[in-house]
N, C-alpha and C. Protein backbone atom coordinates (compact mmCIF):
# COMPACT_ATOMS: atom_id res chain seq x y z
N MET A 1 -119.76 -19.51 33.13
CA MET A 1 -121.16 -19.88 33.15
C MET A 1 -121.41 -20.92 32.06
N GLU A 2 -122.28 -21.85 32.34
CA GLU A 2 -122.64 -22.88 31.38
C GLU A 2 -123.32 -22.27 30.17
N LYS A 3 -123.02 -22.80 28.99
CA LYS A 3 -123.60 -22.25 27.76
C LYS A 3 -125.10 -22.48 27.67
N TRP A 4 -125.59 -23.58 28.23
CA TRP A 4 -127.02 -23.89 28.10
C TRP A 4 -127.88 -22.80 28.74
N ILE A 5 -127.34 -22.12 29.74
CA ILE A 5 -128.12 -21.08 30.42
C ILE A 5 -128.48 -19.95 29.45
N SER A 6 -127.54 -19.63 28.56
CA SER A 6 -127.79 -18.53 27.62
C SER A 6 -128.87 -18.88 26.59
N ASN A 7 -129.23 -20.16 26.49
CA ASN A 7 -130.26 -20.59 25.56
C ASN A 7 -131.65 -20.64 26.19
N LEU A 8 -131.75 -20.26 27.44
CA LEU A 8 -133.06 -20.24 28.11
C LEU A 8 -133.69 -18.86 27.93
N SER A 9 -135.01 -18.86 27.84
CA SER A 9 -135.74 -17.60 27.70
C SER A 9 -135.78 -16.87 29.05
N ASP A 10 -136.13 -15.60 29.00
CA ASP A 10 -136.28 -14.83 30.24
C ASP A 10 -137.34 -15.46 31.14
N GLU A 11 -138.40 -15.96 30.52
CA GLU A 11 -139.48 -16.61 31.28
C GLU A 11 -138.96 -17.86 31.99
N GLU A 12 -138.15 -18.65 31.29
CA GLU A 12 -137.60 -19.87 31.88
C GLU A 12 -136.63 -19.54 33.02
N LEU A 13 -135.82 -18.51 32.84
CA LEU A 13 -134.90 -18.10 33.90
C LEU A 13 -135.67 -17.59 35.12
N ALA A 14 -136.76 -16.86 34.88
CA ALA A 14 -137.59 -16.38 35.98
C ALA A 14 -138.21 -17.56 36.73
N PHE A 15 -138.64 -18.58 35.99
CA PHE A 15 -139.22 -19.78 36.60
C PHE A 15 -138.18 -20.47 37.48
N ILE A 16 -136.95 -20.57 36.98
CA ILE A 16 -135.88 -21.20 37.76
C ILE A 16 -135.63 -20.41 39.05
N LYS A 17 -135.66 -19.09 38.95
CA LYS A 17 -135.48 -18.24 40.14
C LYS A 17 -136.57 -18.52 41.17
N VAL A 18 -137.82 -18.56 40.72
CA VAL A 18 -138.94 -18.84 41.63
C VAL A 18 -138.78 -20.24 42.21
N PHE A 19 -138.35 -21.19 41.40
CA PHE A 19 -138.13 -22.57 41.84
C PHE A 19 -137.12 -22.59 42.99
N ILE A 20 -136.02 -21.90 42.81
CA ILE A 20 -134.97 -21.87 43.84
C ILE A 20 -135.47 -21.17 45.10
N LEU A 21 -136.10 -20.01 44.93
CA LEU A 21 -136.59 -19.26 46.09
C LEU A 21 -137.70 -19.99 46.83
N SER A 22 -138.37 -20.93 46.14
CA SER A 22 -139.43 -21.74 46.76
C SER A 22 -138.88 -23.05 47.29
N SER A 23 -137.56 -23.17 47.31
CA SER A 23 -136.89 -24.40 47.77
C SER A 23 -137.34 -25.62 46.98
N GLY A 24 -137.72 -25.41 45.74
CA GLY A 24 -138.12 -26.51 44.87
C GLY A 24 -139.51 -27.05 45.14
N SER A 25 -140.27 -26.39 45.97
CA SER A 25 -141.62 -26.84 46.29
C SER A 25 -142.58 -26.49 45.14
N LEU A 26 -143.04 -27.51 44.44
CA LEU A 26 -143.95 -27.27 43.32
C LEU A 26 -145.28 -26.70 43.80
N LYS A 27 -145.69 -27.07 45.02
CA LYS A 27 -146.93 -26.51 45.57
C LYS A 27 -146.81 -25.00 45.76
N LYS A 28 -145.66 -24.57 46.28
CA LYS A 28 -145.44 -23.13 46.48
C LYS A 28 -145.38 -22.40 45.14
N ILE A 29 -144.75 -23.03 44.17
CA ILE A 29 -144.64 -22.41 42.84
C ILE A 29 -146.02 -22.30 42.20
N ALA A 30 -146.84 -23.34 42.36
CA ALA A 30 -148.20 -23.31 41.82
C ALA A 30 -149.00 -22.16 42.44
N ARG A 31 -148.83 -21.96 43.75
CA ARG A 31 -149.51 -20.85 44.41
C ARG A 31 -148.99 -19.51 43.89
N TYR A 32 -147.69 -19.41 43.71
CA TYR A 32 -147.08 -18.16 43.23
C TYR A 32 -147.63 -17.78 41.86
N TYR A 33 -147.73 -18.76 40.95
CA TYR A 33 -148.22 -18.49 39.60
C TYR A 33 -149.74 -18.59 39.49
N ASP A 34 -150.39 -19.01 40.59
CA ASP A 34 -151.84 -19.17 40.63
C ASP A 34 -152.33 -20.13 39.55
N VAL A 35 -151.65 -21.28 39.49
CA VAL A 35 -152.03 -22.35 38.56
C VAL A 35 -152.03 -23.67 39.33
N SER A 36 -152.48 -24.73 38.67
CA SER A 36 -152.56 -26.03 39.33
C SER A 36 -151.18 -26.69 39.44
N TYR A 37 -151.09 -27.61 40.40
CA TYR A 37 -149.86 -28.37 40.58
C TYR A 37 -149.46 -29.11 39.30
N PRO A 38 -150.41 -29.80 38.61
CA PRO A 38 -150.02 -30.50 37.37
C PRO A 38 -149.46 -29.55 36.30
N THR A 39 -149.95 -28.33 36.26
CA THR A 39 -149.43 -27.35 35.30
C THR A 39 -147.96 -27.06 35.60
N ILE A 40 -147.64 -26.87 36.87
CA ILE A 40 -146.25 -26.60 37.27
C ILE A 40 -145.39 -27.84 37.06
N ARG A 41 -145.94 -29.01 37.34
CA ARG A 41 -145.19 -30.25 37.13
C ARG A 41 -144.82 -30.38 35.65
N THR A 42 -145.77 -30.11 34.77
CA THR A 42 -145.52 -30.18 33.32
C THR A 42 -144.47 -29.17 32.91
N LYS A 43 -144.59 -27.95 33.39
CA LYS A 43 -143.62 -26.89 33.07
C LYS A 43 -142.22 -27.29 33.54
N THR A 44 -142.14 -27.84 34.74
CA THR A 44 -140.85 -28.28 35.29
C THR A 44 -140.26 -29.40 34.45
N ASP A 45 -141.08 -30.38 34.09
CA ASP A 45 -140.60 -31.49 33.27
C ASP A 45 -140.10 -31.01 31.91
N GLN A 46 -140.82 -30.07 31.30
CA GLN A 46 -140.40 -29.52 30.01
C GLN A 46 -139.07 -28.79 30.13
N LEU A 47 -138.90 -28.05 31.20
CA LEU A 47 -137.66 -27.32 31.41
C LEU A 47 -136.49 -28.27 31.67
N ILE A 48 -136.74 -29.32 32.42
CA ILE A 48 -135.71 -30.34 32.66
C ILE A 48 -135.26 -30.96 31.34
N LYS A 49 -136.22 -31.34 30.50
CA LYS A 49 -135.88 -31.93 29.20
C LYS A 49 -135.07 -30.96 28.34
N LYS A 50 -135.46 -29.70 28.34
CA LYS A 50 -134.75 -28.71 27.54
C LYS A 50 -133.31 -28.55 28.02
N ILE A 51 -133.13 -28.44 29.33
CA ILE A 51 -131.79 -28.26 29.89
C ILE A 51 -130.92 -29.49 29.59
N LYS A 52 -131.49 -30.69 29.74
CA LYS A 52 -130.73 -31.91 29.43
C LYS A 52 -130.31 -31.93 27.97
N ARG A 53 -131.24 -31.56 27.09
CA ARG A 53 -130.93 -31.56 25.65
C ARG A 53 -129.84 -30.54 25.34
N LEU A 54 -129.95 -29.35 25.88
CA LEU A 54 -128.94 -28.32 25.65
C LEU A 54 -127.58 -28.74 26.20
N ASP A 55 -127.59 -29.34 27.39
CA ASP A 55 -126.35 -29.78 28.02
C ASP A 55 -125.72 -30.93 27.24
N ASP A 56 -126.55 -31.88 26.79
CA ASP A 56 -126.05 -32.99 25.98
C ASP A 56 -125.42 -32.49 24.69
N ASN A 57 -126.07 -31.53 24.05
CA ASN A 57 -125.53 -30.97 22.81
C ASN A 57 -124.18 -30.31 23.05
N GLU A 58 -124.03 -29.60 24.17
CA GLU A 58 -122.74 -28.98 24.50
C GLU A 58 -121.68 -30.04 24.70
N ASN A 59 -122.03 -31.10 25.44
CA ASN A 59 -121.06 -32.16 25.72
C ASN A 59 -120.65 -32.89 24.44
N LYS A 60 -121.62 -33.12 23.56
CA LYS A 60 -121.30 -33.79 22.29
C LYS A 60 -120.35 -32.95 21.47
N LYS A 61 -120.63 -31.65 21.38
CA LYS A 61 -119.77 -30.76 20.60
C LYS A 61 -118.37 -30.72 21.19
N GLY A 62 -118.29 -30.63 22.49
CA GLY A 62 -116.99 -30.57 23.15
C GLY A 62 -116.18 -31.82 22.91
N PHE A 63 -116.82 -32.98 23.00
CA PHE A 63 -116.13 -34.24 22.78
C PHE A 63 -115.66 -34.34 21.33
N LYS A 64 -116.54 -34.00 20.41
CA LYS A 64 -116.19 -34.07 18.99
C LYS A 64 -115.02 -33.14 18.68
N GLU A 65 -115.05 -31.94 19.24
CA GLU A 65 -113.96 -30.99 19.02
C GLU A 65 -112.64 -31.55 19.55
N GLN A 66 -112.68 -32.19 20.70
CA GLN A 66 -111.46 -32.77 21.27
C GLN A 66 -110.91 -33.88 20.38
N ILE A 67 -111.79 -34.73 19.89
CA ILE A 67 -111.35 -35.82 19.01
C ILE A 67 -110.78 -35.26 17.72
N MET A 68 -111.44 -34.27 17.14
CA MET A 68 -110.95 -33.70 15.89
C MET A 68 -109.62 -32.97 16.10
N ASN A 69 -109.41 -32.39 17.27
CA ASN A 69 -108.11 -31.78 17.58
C ASN A 69 -107.01 -32.83 17.61
N LEU A 70 -107.33 -34.02 18.09
CA LEU A 70 -106.35 -35.11 18.07
C LEU A 70 -105.96 -35.47 16.64
N VAL A 71 -106.92 -35.42 15.73
CA VAL A 71 -106.64 -35.68 14.31
C VAL A 71 -105.73 -34.59 13.76
N ILE A 72 -106.08 -33.35 14.04
CA ILE A 72 -105.29 -32.22 13.54
C ILE A 72 -103.85 -32.29 14.06
N GLU A 73 -103.70 -32.73 15.30
CA GLU A 73 -102.36 -32.82 15.90
C GLU A 73 -101.66 -34.13 15.54
N ASP A 74 -102.25 -34.91 14.63
CA ASP A 74 -101.70 -36.19 14.17
C ASP A 74 -101.48 -37.20 15.30
N GLU A 75 -102.31 -37.12 16.33
CA GLU A 75 -102.21 -38.09 17.41
C GLU A 75 -103.04 -39.34 17.12
N ILE A 76 -104.10 -39.16 16.32
CA ILE A 76 -104.90 -40.30 15.84
C ILE A 76 -105.27 -40.03 14.39
N SER A 77 -105.64 -41.10 13.70
CA SER A 77 -106.04 -40.95 12.29
C SER A 77 -107.49 -40.49 12.19
N LEU A 78 -107.84 -40.00 11.03
CA LEU A 78 -109.23 -39.58 10.78
C LEU A 78 -110.16 -40.79 10.90
N GLN A 79 -109.72 -41.94 10.41
CA GLN A 79 -110.53 -43.15 10.50
C GLN A 79 -110.78 -43.54 11.96
N ALA A 80 -109.75 -43.42 12.79
CA ALA A 80 -109.91 -43.74 14.21
C ALA A 80 -110.88 -42.76 14.87
N ALA A 81 -110.77 -41.49 14.51
CA ALA A 81 -111.67 -40.48 15.06
C ALA A 81 -113.11 -40.77 14.68
N GLU A 82 -113.34 -41.11 13.42
CA GLU A 82 -114.70 -41.42 12.96
C GLU A 82 -115.25 -42.62 13.71
N LYS A 83 -114.41 -43.63 13.94
CA LYS A 83 -114.84 -44.83 14.67
C LYS A 83 -115.19 -44.47 16.12
N ILE A 84 -114.35 -43.66 16.76
CA ILE A 84 -114.60 -43.25 18.15
C ILE A 84 -115.92 -42.48 18.24
N LEU A 85 -116.13 -41.54 17.33
CA LEU A 85 -117.36 -40.74 17.35
C LEU A 85 -118.60 -41.59 17.09
N ALA A 86 -118.48 -42.57 16.19
CA ALA A 86 -119.61 -43.46 15.91
C ALA A 86 -119.93 -44.32 17.14
N LEU A 87 -118.89 -44.84 17.80
CA LEU A 87 -119.11 -45.65 19.00
C LEU A 87 -119.74 -44.83 20.12
N ARG A 88 -119.28 -43.60 20.28
CA ARG A 88 -119.85 -42.73 21.31
C ARG A 88 -121.32 -42.44 21.02
N GLU A 89 -121.63 -42.20 19.76
CA GLU A 89 -123.02 -41.93 19.38
C GLU A 89 -123.91 -43.12 19.72
N GLU A 90 -123.42 -44.33 19.47
CA GLU A 90 -124.16 -45.54 19.81
C GLU A 90 -124.38 -45.63 21.32
N GLU A 91 -123.35 -45.33 22.10
CA GLU A 91 -123.46 -45.39 23.56
C GLU A 91 -124.46 -44.37 24.09
N LEU A 92 -124.50 -43.19 23.50
CA LEU A 92 -125.42 -42.15 23.96
C LEU A 92 -126.88 -42.50 23.67
N LYS A 93 -127.11 -43.37 22.70
CA LYS A 93 -128.47 -43.78 22.35
C LYS A 93 -129.04 -44.78 23.35
N LYS A 94 -128.16 -45.44 24.09
CA LYS A 94 -128.61 -46.49 25.03
C LYS A 94 -129.27 -45.90 26.25
């Protein structure tokens, strides 16, 4: 299971369940929660941002760990690793 899932609250997981069972229809979800469509749209957008952030953080950590393992195994130098990580960070900002 993806690690980002464990960082979601019970409420967010319940929302995802309703989202799936509603076939992604925000109108149906709004009716289910008895709130307006814009409220559900905002909630969905916030959840998307959170999942992207959590997933990006996992990917960054995984990449950094892999690069640092190359240093430990003497496959690349520490300077090369630092350069690679800096370049990747620049690319992720674009």
